Structure formats: C-alpha cells, structure tokens
C-alpha cells in the first residue's frame, strides 16, 4: 500500500467491535487537526502535548457517544495548568466531518516546564458536558482528577459516572515524514465494554484512587476475563503502530485482536472547526446592561473580544451591545 493511501487515514476515527469479547472501540489518528488546533497559540511543548492528548480523547469519545450536536471535555485544576477545554461538534449529515477545537489556560509565571506535565494540573476535576441543542436539557458529568494522565482521568470518569469499563492507549508528539518538516501527530485505541442494563458493582466503594470505581469493579467474572484478555492484547501495541501512518487502523486491529473477531464500521472524518462569530459574541454579551458594557469599553471607545479556540478578534461599538443596545449592530 502506498504512503499516500495510508495517510488517508489521518484525521479519522474508526469504530470497531470485538465480537468475541463484547467490547467496542475506536482507533483514531489526528494530524492536520492538531496542526490547526496548536497553530492558533504559542504554547510550550508541555502544554501542546496535553492539548494534543485532550483533542484525541475528545475525537474518540465524541464519536462513540454519537451526540447530535456538541460534546465538551474540560479539565480544571488548582495548579499552573488551570484549564484544558475541548469541543466536539457532530457532523451535520452522514459522511460529513465532525469538528474539534481545543485550548489551554495556564500560569506562565509559575509553571514548571521541566516537571511532569500532568502534575502541573494539581487537584481538580475532569468533566464531560453534552449539549444536544435547543429544547434539550444539557448533561454534565464530573469526576475528580485521578491517575497520572488525562486518559486515566477519562477512564475513571467512565467507570465512576457511566459504569462503563473503558481503556485508552494513546500516543502523541512531533513526527516527520520523509521530505517534510516536523509536525504534530496523535493516535490511539479506545476500548469500552458494551453497556449493560444493570452494571455489576462490587461492594460499597471502588478499588481505584480514593475509592473510585475501576473497570473490574463493574464486571462479573466472565466479563472480567474478556476485558483482561483484550487489555493484555492492547498492551502489546507499539507507539509507531498507534501514531501511523505506516500501519493502517484496519491492519492494526488485525494485528492486535484477530482472535477477538474485530468488525469495523464506517470511519468518521474529523476536522478543526470553530463556531465563534460576531453574532455569537453579541449574544453572549446580551445579558449585560449599558453600565456593564461601559466597564468593558477600551480607551479607544470599543469593546473587543478574542476567541480562545481560534484566535479570532472581534471589535464592537459598545452602543450596539447588551440588552439596552440602540440597535442590533447590523
């Protein structure tokens, strides 16, 4: 297979199922999406790595939940890395790409760029928010920061909040294809036990950190055997197989899980996308009075706003903002 054919898997999420194990999963590859996400900011490599990991998690989780509009992931901590936020927008129609955007907020003065990246988050929480559009009640699930990585936080979230045993094996970093410059790539595999009507939880608390649930706390003996076997097979994966492009996702599944009877479904393309606009900014400011808008007005007599995801810069006449606006700004 040619290199160009293999690269065709970049910026895709491939759903699959292991029929012999009652386990579903996703194989994801991000390339151009990460380049566009990270090029919007001048992050140090440590922050770039965490944003890349969070974007990869978002693409995999968003596709698995099949939301009708938007899924958001947030990590908030009391350390120098204060916030990592991502959004996944479902495709508008079958075959269309989903959109992902991401950004981080951190304390430039106090961050230790030589320390372990995850340690710079400190104590806080991992949250998944699902917004399914107008007339639908938003959903929010929150679990404490746990483990030693963002993917470990996501695993804890699914065990604790959704009672779904979940495993992520991810890799991300600077990569280089012959004849090209270095650029960010990320790849990974997500495993998730199929949902059950009545999850099996052992005892009062979980066996994880601070009593949180882990996968084996919510599986019976037969399911635990299948889950352990699939995870052992995933443990054999190499980083170069995850990140590509030399091994296609379909070949990777056969290498890892051929005895588990892998079955693949249609791949979901992913692109960078931001939904910010002049109208959305005006809407967000519509709750403020003229007095409030006055406190936001610059010496030049304008109100400005910057999109944290894509860097777009907006400039407004303050008289057109807030619920006391003279007109709609048209």
C-alpha atoms as a PDB file:
ATOM      1  CA  UNK A   1       0.000   0.000   0.000  1.00  0.00           C
ATOM      2  CA  UNK A   2       1.318   3.439  -0.898  1.00  0.00           C
ATOM      3  CA  UNK A   3       2.206   6.039   1.731  1.00  0.00           C
ATOM      4  CA  UNK A   4      -0.494   8.355   0.354  1.00  0.00           C
ATOM      5  CA  UNK A   5      -3.120   5.662   0.857  1.00  0.00           C
ATOM      6  CA  UNK A   6      -2.009   5.152   4.426  1.00  0.00           C
ATOM      7  CA  UNK A   7      -2.066   8.871   5.146  1.00  0.00           C
ATOM      8  CA  UNK A   8      -5.697   8.870   4.007  1.00  0.00           C
ATOM      9  CA  UNK A   9      -6.462   7.540   7.500  1.00  0.00           C
ATOM     10  CA  UNK A  10      -5.196  10.753   9.097  1.00  0.00           C
ATOM     11  CA  UNK A  11      -7.844  12.811  10.893  1.00  0.00           C
ATOM     12  CA  UNK A  12     -10.266   9.898  11.180  1.00  0.00           C
ATOM     13  CA  UNK A  13     -11.934   7.862  13.911  1.00  0.00           C
ATOM     14  CA  UNK A  14     -12.632   4.223  13.025  1.00  0.00           C
ATOM     15  CA  UNK A  15     -15.299   2.468  15.150  1.00  0.00           C
ATOM     16  CA  UNK A  16     -14.955  -1.278  15.662  1.00  0.00           C
ATOM     17  CA  UNK A  17     -16.343  -4.119  17.726  1.00  0.00           C
ATOM     18  CA  UNK A  18     -14.671  -7.249  19.118  1.00  0.00           C
ATOM     19  CA  UNK A  19     -17.440  -9.773  18.656  1.00  0.00           C
ATOM     20  CA  UNK A  20     -15.753 -12.494  20.742  1.00  0.00           C
ATOM     21  CA  UNK A  21     -15.352 -10.193  23.748  1.00  0.00           C
ATOM     22  CA  UNK A  22     -18.478  -7.991  23.789  1.00  0.00           C
ATOM     23  CA  UNK A  23     -16.186  -4.969  23.545  1.00  0.00           C
ATOM     24  CA  UNK A  24     -16.452  -1.947  21.256  1.00  0.00           C
ATOM     25  CA  UNK A  25     -13.739   0.547  20.449  1.00  0.00           C
ATOM     26  CA  UNK A  26     -12.279   3.318  18.340  1.00  0.00           C
ATOM     27  CA  UNK A  27      -8.987   3.777  16.508  1.00  0.00           C
ATOM     28  CA  UNK A  28      -8.161   7.440  15.956  1.00  0.00           C
ATOM     29  CA  UNK A  29      -5.466   9.307  14.044  1.00  0.00           C
ATOM     30  CA  UNK A  30      -5.098  13.093  14.177  1.00  0.00           C
ATOM     31  CA  UNK A  31      -2.668  15.027  12.011  1.00  0.00           C
ATOM     32  CA  UNK A  32      -3.874  18.201  10.296  1.00  0.00           C
ATOM     33  CA  UNK A  33      -6.456  18.735  13.057  1.00  0.00           C
ATOM     34  CA  UNK A  34      -3.714  19.003  15.674  1.00  0.00           C
ATOM     35  CA  UNK A  35      -1.636  21.296  13.491  1.00  0.00           C
ATOM     36  CA  UNK A  36      -4.564  23.691  13.182  1.00  0.00           C
ATOM     37  CA  UNK A  37      -5.518  23.462  16.867  1.00  0.00           C
ATOM     38  CA  UNK A  38      -1.988  24.130  18.079  1.00  0.00           C
ATOM     39  CA  UNK A  39      -1.067  26.729  15.463  1.00  0.00           C
ATOM     40  CA  UNK A  40      -3.658  29.088  16.961  1.00  0.00           C
ATOM     41  CA  UNK A  41      -1.443  29.520  20.048  1.00  0.00           C
ATOM     42  CA  UNK A  42       2.186  29.746  21.094  1.00  0.00           C
ATOM     43  CA  UNK A  43       2.125  27.001  23.734  1.00  0.00           C
ATOM     44  CA  UNK A  44       5.268  25.481  25.256  1.00  0.00           C
ATOM     45  CA  UNK A  45       5.746  21.806  24.261  1.00  0.00           C
ATOM     46  CA  UNK A  46       4.373  20.595  27.613  1.00  0.00           C
ATOM     47  CA  UNK A  47       1.059  22.368  27.036  1.00  0.00           C
ATOM     48  CA  UNK A  48       0.961  21.327  23.381  1.00  0.00           C
ATOM     49  CA  UNK A  49       1.245  17.694  24.460  1.00  0.00           C
ATOM     50  CA  UNK A  50      -1.659  17.935  26.894  1.00  0.00           C
ATOM     51  CA  UNK A  51      -3.834  19.761  24.366  1.00  0.00           C
ATOM     52  CA  UNK A  52      -2.990  17.067  21.783  1.00  0.00           C
ATOM     53  CA  UNK A  53      -3.946  14.302  24.230  1.00  0.00           C
ATOM     54  CA  UNK A  54      -7.189  16.056  25.145  1.00  0.00           C
ATOM     55  CA  UNK A  55      -8.109  16.622  21.484  1.00  0.00           C
ATOM     56  CA  UNK A  56      -7.513  12.940  20.730  1.00  0.00           C
ATOM     57  CA  UNK A  57      -9.666  11.870  23.674  1.00  0.00           C
ATOM     58  CA  UNK A  58     -12.387  14.257  22.527  1.00  0.00           C
ATOM     59  CA  UNK A  59     -12.443  12.877  18.980  1.00  0.00           C
ATOM     60  CA  UNK A  60     -12.729   9.292  20.237  1.00  0.00           C
ATOM     61  CA  UNK A  61     -15.300   9.964  22.962  1.00  0.00           C
ATOM     62  CA  UNK A  62     -17.360  12.280  20.764  1.00  0.00           C
ATOM     63  CA  UNK A  63     -17.668   9.678  18.030  1.00  0.00           C
ATOM     64  CA  UNK A  64     -18.547   6.914  20.493  1.00  0.00           C
ATOM     65  CA  UNK A  65     -21.363   8.910  22.073  1.00  0.00           C
ATOM     66  CA  UNK A  66     -22.879   9.918  18.729  1.00  0.00           C
ATOM     67  CA  UNK A  67     -24.136  13.223  20.121  1.00  0.00           C
ATOM     68  CA  UNK A  68     -26.492  15.212  17.930  1.00  0.00           C
ATOM     69  CA  UNK A  69     -24.697  18.485  18.491  1.00  0.00           C
ATOM     70  CA  UNK A  70     -21.806  19.180  20.876  1.00  0.00           C
ATOM     71  CA  UNK A  71     -19.703  17.293  23.394  1.00  0.00           C
ATOM     72  CA  UNK A  72     -17.182  19.150  25.573  1.00  0.00           C
ATOM     73  CA  UNK A  73     -14.343  17.912  27.752  1.00  0.00           C
ATOM     74  CA  UNK A  74     -12.847  20.056  30.497  1.00  0.00           C
ATOM     75  CA  UNK A  75     -10.026  19.574  32.954  1.00  0.00           C
ATOM     76  CA  UNK A  76      -9.779  22.233  35.658  1.00  0.00           C
ATOM     77  CA  UNK A  77      -7.076  22.255  38.308  1.00  0.00           C
ATOM     78  CA  UNK A  78      -5.601  24.404  41.052  1.00  0.00           C
ATOM     79  CA  UNK A  79      -2.081  24.117  39.643  1.00  0.00           C
ATOM     80  CA  UNK A  80      -0.289  26.184  36.976  1.00  0.00           C
ATOM     81  CA  UNK A  81      -2.315  24.410  34.253  1.00  0.00           C
ATOM     82  CA  UNK A  82      -5.696  25.875  35.097  1.00  0.00           C
ATOM     83  CA  UNK A  83      -7.881  24.651  32.235  1.00  0.00           C
ATOM     84  CA  UNK A  84      -7.834  22.436  29.178  1.00  0.00           C
ATOM     85  CA  UNK A  85     -11.077  22.649  27.217  1.00  0.00           C
ATOM     86  CA  UNK A  86     -12.196  20.908  24.039  1.00  0.00           C
ATOM     87  CA  UNK A  87     -15.352  20.745  21.945  1.00  0.00           C
ATOM     88  CA  UNK A  88     -16.565  18.079  19.506  1.00  0.00           C
ATOM     89  CA  UNK A  89     -19.287  19.055  17.034  1.00  0.00           C
ATOM     90  CA  UNK A  90     -21.107  16.165  15.434  1.00  0.00           C
ATOM     91  CA  UNK A  91     -21.287  16.005  11.633  1.00  0.00           C
ATOM     92  CA  UNK A  92     -24.211  17.843  10.103  1.00  0.00           C
ATOM     93  CA  UNK A  93     -25.033  14.861   7.886  1.00  0.00           C
ATOM     94  CA  UNK A  94     -23.841  11.323   7.160  1.00  0.00           C
ATOM     95  CA  UNK A  95     -20.374  11.346   5.619  1.00  0.00           C
ATOM     96  CA  UNK A  96     -19.603  14.923   6.702  1.00  0.00           C
ATOM     97  CA  UNK A  97     -16.668  15.537   9.043  1.00  0.00           C
ATOM     98  CA  UNK A  98     -17.018  16.147  12.757  1.00  0.00           C
ATOM     99  CA  UNK A  99     -15.253  19.247  14.096  1.00  0.00           C
ATOM    100  CA  UNK A 100     -12.863  19.519  17.037  1.00  0.00           C
ATOM    101  CA  UNK A 101     -11.392  22.587  18.740  1.00  0.00           C
ATOM    102  CA  UNK A 102      -9.247  22.912  21.890  1.00  0.00           C
ATOM    103  CA  UNK A 103      -7.334  25.363  24.037  1.00  0.00           C
ATOM    104  CA  UNK A 104      -5.491  25.593  27.364  1.00  0.00           C
ATOM    105  CA  UNK A 105      -5.141  28.263  30.028  1.00  0.00           C
ATOM    106  CA  UNK A 106      -2.019  28.205  32.210  1.00  0.00           C
ATOM    107  CA  UNK A 107       0.065  30.362  34.531  1.00  0.00           C
ATOM    108  CA  UNK A 108       3.194  31.299  32.572  1.00  0.00           C
ATOM    109  CA  UNK A 109       4.958  32.604  35.685  1.00  0.00           C
ATOM    110  CA  UNK A 110       4.539  29.528  37.872  1.00  0.00           C
ATOM    111  CA  UNK A 111       4.500  26.557  35.519  1.00  0.00           C
ATOM    112  CA  UNK A 112       7.482  24.210  35.805  1.00  0.00           C
ATOM    113  CA  UNK A 113       8.301  23.266  32.229  1.00  0.00           C
ATOM    114  CA  UNK A 114      10.753  20.581  33.415  1.00  0.00           C
ATOM    115  CA  UNK A 115       8.225  18.747  35.592  1.00  0.00           C
ATOM    116  CA  UNK A 116       5.792  16.022  34.612  1.00  0.00           C
ATOM    117  CA  UNK A 117       3.069  17.732  32.596  1.00  0.00           C
ATOM    118  CA  UNK A 118       0.124  16.091  34.349  1.00  0.00           C
ATOM    119  CA  UNK A 119       1.461  17.117  37.764  1.00  0.00           C
ATOM    120  CA  UNK A 120       1.045  20.768  36.788  1.00  0.00           C
ATOM    121  CA  UNK A 121      -2.757  20.427  36.849  1.00  0.00           C
ATOM    122  CA  UNK A 122      -2.886  19.787  40.589  1.00  0.00           C
ATOM    123  CA  UNK A 123      -6.181  18.919  42.239  1.00  0.00           C
ATOM    124  CA  UNK A 124      -9.400  19.499  40.359  1.00  0.00           C
ATOM    125  CA  UNK A 125     -11.911  17.723  38.190  1.00  0.00           C
ATOM    126  CA  UNK A 126     -12.499  16.105  34.801  1.00  0.00           C
ATOM    127  CA  UNK A 127     -15.861  16.860  33.214  1.00  0.00           C
ATOM    128  CA  UNK A 128     -17.854  15.793  30.170  1.00  0.00           C
ATOM    129  CA  UNK A 129     -20.665  18.069  29.031  1.00  0.00           C
ATOM    130  CA  UNK A 130     -23.195  17.167  26.343  1.00  0.00           C
ATOM    131  CA  UNK A 131     -25.342  19.816  24.693  1.00  0.00           C
ATOM    132  CA  UNK A 132     -27.904  18.335  22.293  1.00  0.00           C
ATOM    133  CA  UNK A 133     -29.331  21.651  21.137  1.00  0.00           C
ATOM    134  CA  UNK A 134     -32.451  23.661  21.754  1.00  0.00           C
ATOM    135  CA  UNK A 135     -35.217  22.240  23.966  1.00  0.00           C
ATOM    136  CA  UNK A 136     -32.844  19.548  25.274  1.00  0.00           C
ATOM    137  CA  UNK A 137     -31.506  19.523  28.832  1.00  0.00           C
ATOM    138  CA  UNK A 138     -27.687  19.669  28.848  1.00  0.00           C
ATOM    139  CA  UNK A 139     -25.853  16.831  30.629  1.00  0.00           C
ATOM    140  CA  UNK A 140     -22.769  17.240  32.798  1.00  0.00           C
ATOM    141  CA  UNK A 141     -20.735  14.529  34.494  1.00  0.00           C
ATOM    142  CA  UNK A 142     -17.827  15.339  36.799  1.00  0.00           C
ATOM    143  CA  UNK A 143     -15.171  13.182  38.478  1.00  0.00           C
ATOM    144  CA  UNK A 144     -12.038  14.146  40.435  1.00  0.00           C
ATOM    145  CA  UNK A 145      -8.634  14.357  38.786  1.00  0.00           C
ATOM    146  CA  UNK A 146      -7.077  10.910  39.243  1.00  0.00           C
ATOM    147  CA  UNK A 147      -4.339   8.690  37.908  1.00  0.00           C
ATOM    148  CA  UNK A 148      -1.281  10.016  36.110  1.00  0.00           C
ATOM    149  CA  UNK A 149      -2.646  11.211  32.747  1.00  0.00           C
ATOM    150  CA  UNK A 150      -5.623  12.815  31.072  1.00  0.00           C
ATOM    151  CA  UNK A 151      -6.559   9.455  29.575  1.00  0.00           C
ATOM    152  CA  UNK A 152      -6.563   7.934  33.077  1.00  0.00           C
ATOM    153  CA  UNK A 153      -8.965  10.712  34.147  1.00  0.00           C
ATOM    154  CA  UNK A 154     -11.251   9.769  31.254  1.00  0.00           C
ATOM    155  CA  UNK A 155     -11.118   6.087  32.223  1.00  0.00           C
ATOM    156  CA  UNK A 156     -12.115   6.981  35.792  1.00  0.00           C
ATOM    157  CA  UNK A 157     -14.951   9.170  34.511  1.00  0.00           C
ATOM    158  CA  UNK A 158     -16.496   6.326  32.502  1.00  0.00           C
ATOM    159  CA  UNK A 159     -16.149   3.807  35.342  1.00  0.00           C
ATOM    160  CA  UNK A 160     -17.477   6.140  38.001  1.00  0.00           C
ATOM    161  CA  UNK A 161     -20.112   8.204  36.172  1.00  0.00           C
ATOM    162  CA  UNK A 162     -21.236   5.885  33.363  1.00  0.00           C
ATOM    163  CA  UNK A 163     -20.446   2.438  34.835  1.00  0.00           C
ATOM    164  CA  UNK A 164     -18.653   1.607  31.575  1.00  0.00           C
ATOM    165  CA  UNK A 165     -15.231  -0.102  31.748  1.00  0.00           C
ATOM    166  CA  UNK A 166     -13.037   1.944  29.413  1.00  0.00           C
ATOM    167  CA  UNK A 167      -9.373   1.866  28.402  1.00  0.00           C
ATOM    168  CA  UNK A 168      -7.296   4.278  26.322  1.00  0.00           C
ATOM    169  CA  UNK A 169      -3.882   3.649  24.789  1.00  0.00           C
ATOM    170  CA  UNK A 170      -2.649   6.917  23.276  1.00  0.00           C
ATOM    171  CA  UNK A 171       0.498   8.424  21.857  1.00  0.00           C
ATOM    172  CA  UNK A 172       1.215  11.904  20.541  1.00  0.00           C
ATOM    173  CA  UNK A 173       4.159  14.079  19.633  1.00  0.00           C
ATOM    174  CA  UNK A 174       6.224  15.657  16.898  1.00  0.00           C
ATOM    175  CA  UNK A 175       6.563  13.416  13.857  1.00  0.00           C
ATOM    176  CA  UNK A 176       8.287  13.689  10.493  1.00  0.00           C
ATOM    177  CA  UNK A 177       7.503  12.122   7.148  1.00  0.00           C
ATOM    178  CA  UNK A 178      10.447  11.891   4.724  1.00  0.00           C
ATOM    179  CA  UNK A 179      10.729  15.098   2.706  1.00  0.00           C
ATOM    180  CA  UNK A 180       8.543  17.105   5.093  1.00  0.00           C
ATOM    181  CA  UNK A 181       9.070  19.142   8.248  1.00  0.00           C
ATOM    182  CA  UNK A 182       8.112  18.029  11.732  1.00  0.00           C
ATOM    183  CA  UNK A 183       4.502  18.361  12.780  1.00  0.00           C
ATOM    184  CA  UNK A 184       2.184  17.050  15.471  1.00  0.00           C
ATOM    185  CA  UNK A 185       0.550  13.646  15.162  1.00  0.00           C
ATOM    186  CA  UNK A 186      -1.532  11.665  17.606  1.00  0.00           C
ATOM    187  CA  UNK A 187      -3.055   8.215  17.560  1.00  0.00           C
ATOM    188  CA  UNK A 188      -4.751   5.830  19.916  1.00  0.00           C
ATOM    189  CA  UNK A 189      -7.120   2.985  20.629  1.00  0.00           C
ATOM    190  CA  UNK A 190     -10.182   3.174  22.885  1.00  0.00           C
ATOM    191  CA  UNK A 191     -11.739   0.006  24.329  1.00  0.00           C
ATOM    192  CA  UNK A 192     -15.101   0.028  26.072  1.00  0.00           C
ATOM    193  CA  UNK A 193     -17.197  -2.826  27.391  1.00  0.00           C
ATOM    194  CA  UNK A 194     -20.647  -2.880  25.856  1.00  0.00           C
ATOM    195  CA  UNK A 195     -23.253  -1.208  28.115  1.00  0.00           C
ATOM    196  CA  UNK A 196     -25.310  -3.420  30.401  1.00  0.00           C
ATOM    197  CA  UNK A 197     -28.788  -2.890  31.753  1.00  0.00           C
ATOM    198  CA  UNK A 198     -27.605  -3.480  35.339  1.00  0.00           C
ATOM    199  CA  UNK A 199     -23.884  -2.818  35.914  1.00  0.00           C
ATOM    200  CA  UNK A 200     -22.240  -5.178  38.373  1.00  0.00           C
ATOM    201  CA  UNK A 201     -20.545  -3.192  41.164  1.00  0.00           C
ATOM    202  CA  UNK A 202     -18.695  -4.933  43.985  1.00  0.00           C
ATOM    203  CA  UNK A 203     -19.124  -3.569  47.478  1.00  0.00           C
ATOM    204  CA  UNK A 204     -19.632  -0.016  48.672  1.00  0.00           C
ATOM    205  CA  UNK A 205     -16.686   1.711  47.044  1.00  0.00           C
ATOM    206  CA  UNK A 206     -14.278   1.166  44.208  1.00  0.00           C
ATOM    207  CA  UNK A 207     -10.743  -0.209  44.165  1.00  0.00           C
ATOM    208  CA  UNK A 208      -9.313   2.870  42.486  1.00  0.00           C
ATOM    209  CA  UNK A 209      -7.750   6.030  43.845  1.00  0.00           C
ATOM    210  CA  UNK A 210      -9.771   7.478  46.763  1.00  0.00           C
ATOM    211  CA  UNK A 211     -12.326   4.694  46.411  1.00  0.00           C
ATOM    212  CA  UNK A 212     -13.284   5.499  42.822  1.00  0.00           C
ATOM    213  CA  UNK A 213     -14.586   2.681  40.635  1.00  0.00           C
ATOM    214  CA  UNK A 214     -12.349   0.832  38.200  1.00  0.00           C
ATOM    215  CA  UNK A 215     -13.259  -1.449  35.303  1.00  0.00           C
ATOM    216  CA  UNK A 216     -13.058  -4.700  37.285  1.00  0.00           C
ATOM    217  CA  UNK A 217     -15.396  -3.284  39.946  1.00  0.00           C
ATOM    218  CA  UNK A 218     -18.290  -3.276  37.474  1.00  0.00           C
ATOM    219  CA  UNK A 219     -17.739  -6.552  35.611  1.00  0.00           C
ATOM    220  CA  UNK A 220     -18.702 -10.102  36.519  1.00  0.00           C
ATOM    221  CA  UNK A 221     -16.146 -12.919  36.341  1.00  0.00           C
ATOM    222  CA  UNK A 222     -16.723 -13.860  32.679  1.00  0.00           C
ATOM    223  CA  UNK A 223     -16.693 -10.242  31.583  1.00  0.00           C
ATOM    224  CA  UNK A 224     -13.539  -9.586  33.594  1.00  0.00           C
ATOM    225  CA  UNK A 225     -11.798 -12.436  31.760  1.00  0.00           C
ATOM    226  CA  UNK A 226     -12.737 -10.984  28.355  1.00  0.00           C
ATOM    227  CA  UNK A 227     -11.795  -7.475  29.439  1.00  0.00           C
ATOM    228  CA  UNK A 228      -8.430  -8.582  30.846  1.00  0.00           C
ATOM    229  CA  UNK A 229      -7.618 -10.524  27.685  1.00  0.00           C
ATOM    230  CA  UNK A 230      -8.448  -7.584  25.373  1.00  0.00           C
ATOM    231  CA  UNK A 231      -6.393  -5.213  27.525  1.00  0.00           C
ATOM    232  CA  UNK A 232      -3.442  -7.600  27.516  1.00  0.00           C
ATOM    233  CA  UNK A 233      -3.550  -7.640  23.716  1.00  0.00           C
ATOM    234  CA  UNK A 234      -3.711  -3.839  23.621  1.00  0.00           C
ATOM    235  CA  UNK A 235      -0.665  -3.706  25.899  1.00  0.00           C
ATOM    236  CA  UNK A 236       1.397  -5.195  23.051  1.00  0.00           C
ATOM    237  CA  UNK A 237       0.795  -2.226  20.747  1.00  0.00           C
ATOM    238  CA  UNK A 238       3.799  -0.095  19.780  1.00  0.00           C
ATOM    239  CA  UNK A 239       3.748   3.697  19.581  1.00  0.00           C
ATOM    240  CA  UNK A 240       4.598   3.712  15.876  1.00  0.00           C
ATOM    241  CA  UNK A 241       1.570   1.481  15.239  1.00  0.00           C
ATOM    242  CA  UNK A 242      -0.710   3.912  17.060  1.00  0.00           C
ATOM    243  CA  UNK A 243       0.557   7.132  15.570  1.00  0.00           C
ATOM    244  CA  UNK A 244       0.916   5.911  11.981  1.00  0.00           C
ATOM    245  CA  UNK A 245       0.997   6.343   9.110  1.00  0.00           C
ATOM    246  CA  UNK A 246       2.932   3.132   8.361  1.00  0.00           C
ATOM    247  CA  UNK A 247       0.198   0.853   9.791  1.00  0.00           C
ATOM    248  CA  UNK A 248      -3.426   1.460   8.829  1.00  0.00           C
ATOM    249  CA  UNK A 249      -6.098   1.234  11.563  1.00  0.00           C
ATOM    250  CA  UNK A 250      -7.647  -1.849   9.934  1.00  0.00           C
ATOM    251  CA  UNK A 251      -4.275  -3.624   9.839  1.00  0.00           C
ATOM    252  CA  UNK A 252      -3.639  -2.581  13.431  1.00  0.00           C
ATOM    253  CA  UNK A 253      -6.885  -4.165  14.593  1.00  0.00           C
ATOM    254  CA  UNK A 254      -5.999  -7.444  12.879  1.00  0.00           C
ATOM    255  CA  UNK A 255      -2.510  -7.398  14.417  1.00  0.00           C
ATOM    256  CA  UNK A 256      -3.848  -6.830  17.907  1.00  0.00           C
ATOM    257  CA  UNK A 257      -7.231  -8.534  18.036  1.00  0.00           C
ATOM    258  CA  UNK A 258      -7.527 -11.084  15.214  1.00  0.00           C
ATOM    259  CA  UNK A 259      -8.669 -13.808  17.657  1.00  0.00           C
ATOM    260  CA  UNK A 260     -11.316 -11.462  19.109  1.00  0.00           C
ATOM    261  CA  UNK A 261     -13.101 -11.219  15.734  1.00  0.00           C
ATOM    262  CA  UNK A 262     -12.788  -7.463  15.065  1.00  0.00           C
ATOM    263  CA  UNK A 263     -15.536  -5.912  12.955  1.00  0.00           C
ATOM    264  CA  UNK A 264     -15.151  -2.359  11.638  1.00  0.00           C
ATOM    265  CA  UNK A 265     -17.754   0.259  10.766  1.00  0.00           C
ATOM    266  CA  UNK A 266     -17.642   3.420   8.687  1.00  0.00           C
ATOM    267  CA  UNK A 267     -14.787   5.779   9.596  1.00  0.00           C
ATOM    268  CA  UNK A 268     -15.640   9.288  10.795  1.00  0.00           C
ATOM    269  CA  UNK A 269     -13.522  12.106   9.287  1.00  0.00           C
ATOM    270  CA  UNK A 270     -12.512  14.875  11.704  1.00  0.00           C
ATOM    271  CA  UNK A 271     -11.530  18.484  11.014  1.00  0.00           C
ATOM    272  CA  UNK A 272     -10.614  21.569  13.007  1.00  0.00           C
ATOM    273  CA  UNK A 273     -13.630  23.812  13.388  1.00  0.00           C
ATOM    274  CA  UNK A 274     -14.621  26.801  15.466  1.00  0.00           C
ATOM    275  CA  UNK A 275     -18.164  28.110  15.836  1.00  0.00           C
ATOM    276  CA  UNK A 276     -17.323  31.599  17.054  1.00  0.00           C
ATOM    277  CA  UNK A 277     -18.938  34.509  15.165  1.00  0.00           C
ATOM    278  CA  UNK A 278     -19.909  38.144  15.507  1.00  0.00           C
ATOM    279  CA  UNK A 279     -23.485  37.134  16.335  1.00  0.00           C
ATOM    280  CA  UNK A 280     -22.431  34.614  18.998  1.00  0.00           C
ATOM    281  CA  UNK A 281     -20.271  37.177  20.772  1.00  0.00           C
ATOM    282  CA  UNK A 282     -23.124  39.688  20.695  1.00  0.00           C
ATOM    283  CA  UNK A 283     -25.434  37.050  22.122  1.00  0.00           C
ATOM    284  CA  UNK A 284     -23.026  36.276  24.962  1.00  0.00           C
ATOM    285  CA  UNK A 285     -22.922  39.992  25.846  1.00  0.00           C
ATOM    286  CA  UNK A 286     -26.685  40.473  25.602  1.00  0.00           C
ATOM    287  CA  UNK A 287     -27.165  39.794  29.332  1.00  0.00           C
ATOM    288  CA  UNK A 288     -25.238  42.942  30.330  1.00  0.00           C
ATOM    289  CA  UNK A 289     -26.565  46.436  30.965  1.00  0.00           C
ATOM    290  CA  UNK A 290     -25.196  49.577  29.334  1.00  0.00           C
ATOM    291  CA  UNK A 291     -23.340  50.283  32.585  1.00  0.00           C
ATOM    292  CA  UNK A 292     -21.710  46.852  32.492  1.00  0.00           C
ATOM    293  CA  UNK A 293     -20.772  47.309  28.848  1.00  0.00           C
ATOM    294  CA  UNK A 294     -19.196  50.625  29.809  1.00  0.00           C
ATOM    295  CA  UNK A 295     -16.752  48.831  32.121  1.00  0.00           C
ATOM    296  CA  UNK A 296     -15.664  46.662  29.182  1.00  0.00           C
ATOM    297  CA  UNK A 297     -15.086  49.602  26.837  1.00  0.00           C
ATOM    298  CA  UNK A 298     -11.476  50.404  25.938  1.00  0.00           C
ATOM    299  CA  UNK A 299      -9.866  53.847  25.830  1.00  0.00           C
ATOM    300  CA  UNK A 300     -10.444  53.758  22.075  1.00  0.00           C
ATOM    301  CA  UNK A 301     -14.201  53.562  22.688  1.00  0.00           C
ATOM    302  CA  UNK A 302     -14.693  49.948  21.551  1.00  0.00           C
ATOM    303  CA  UNK A 303     -15.416  46.592  23.124  1.00  0.00           C
ATOM    304  CA  UNK A 304     -13.119  43.805  21.980  1.00  0.00           C
ATOM    305  CA  UNK A 305     -13.269  40.030  22.315  1.00  0.00           C
ATOM    306  CA  UNK A 306     -10.908  37.244  21.331  1.00  0.00           C
ATOM    307  CA  UNK A 307     -11.855  33.622  20.700  1.00  0.00           C
ATOM    308  CA  UNK A 308      -9.715  31.405  22.924  1.00  0.00           C
ATOM    309  CA  UNK A 309     -10.068  28.489  20.499  1.00  0.00           C
ATOM    310  CA  UNK A 310      -9.201  30.017  17.127  1.00  0.00           C
ATOM    311  CA  UNK A 311      -7.793  33.449  17.995  1.00  0.00           C
ATOM    312  CA  UNK A 312     -10.409  35.431  16.054  1.00  0.00           C
ATOM    313  CA  UNK A 313     -10.524  39.092  17.162  1.00  0.00           C
ATOM    314  CA  UNK A 314     -13.809  40.996  17.348  1.00  0.00           C
ATOM    315  CA  UNK A 315     -14.332  44.761  17.740  1.00  0.00           C
ATOM    316  CA  UNK A 316     -17.742  46.269  18.593  1.00  0.00           C
ATOM    317  CA  UNK A 317     -19.385  49.637  19.099  1.00  0.00           C
ATOM    318  CA  UNK A 318     -20.482  49.471  22.782  1.00  0.00           C
ATOM    319  CA  UNK A 319     -23.767  51.199  21.922  1.00  0.00           C
ATOM    320  CA  UNK A 320     -24.797  48.088  19.968  1.00  0.00           C
ATOM    321  CA  UNK A 321     -24.170  45.633  22.834  1.00  0.00           C
ATOM    322  CA  UNK A 322     -26.162  44.448  25.831  1.00  0.00           C
ATOM    323  CA  UNK A 323     -29.887  44.356  26.497  1.00  0.00           C
ATOM    324  CA  UNK A 324     -30.061  48.164  26.281  1.00  0.00           C
ATOM    325  CA  UNK A 325     -28.433  48.287  22.832  1.00  0.00           C
ATOM    326  CA  UNK A 326     -29.605  51.013  20.490  1.00  0.00           C
ATOM    327  CA  UNK A 327     -29.721  48.569  17.582  1.00  0.00           C
ATOM    328  CA  UNK A 328     -28.693  45.004  16.747  1.00  0.00           C
ATOM    329  CA  UNK A 329     -25.372  46.026  15.241  1.00  0.00           C
ATOM    330  CA  UNK A 330     -26.470  45.220  11.738  1.00  0.00           C
END
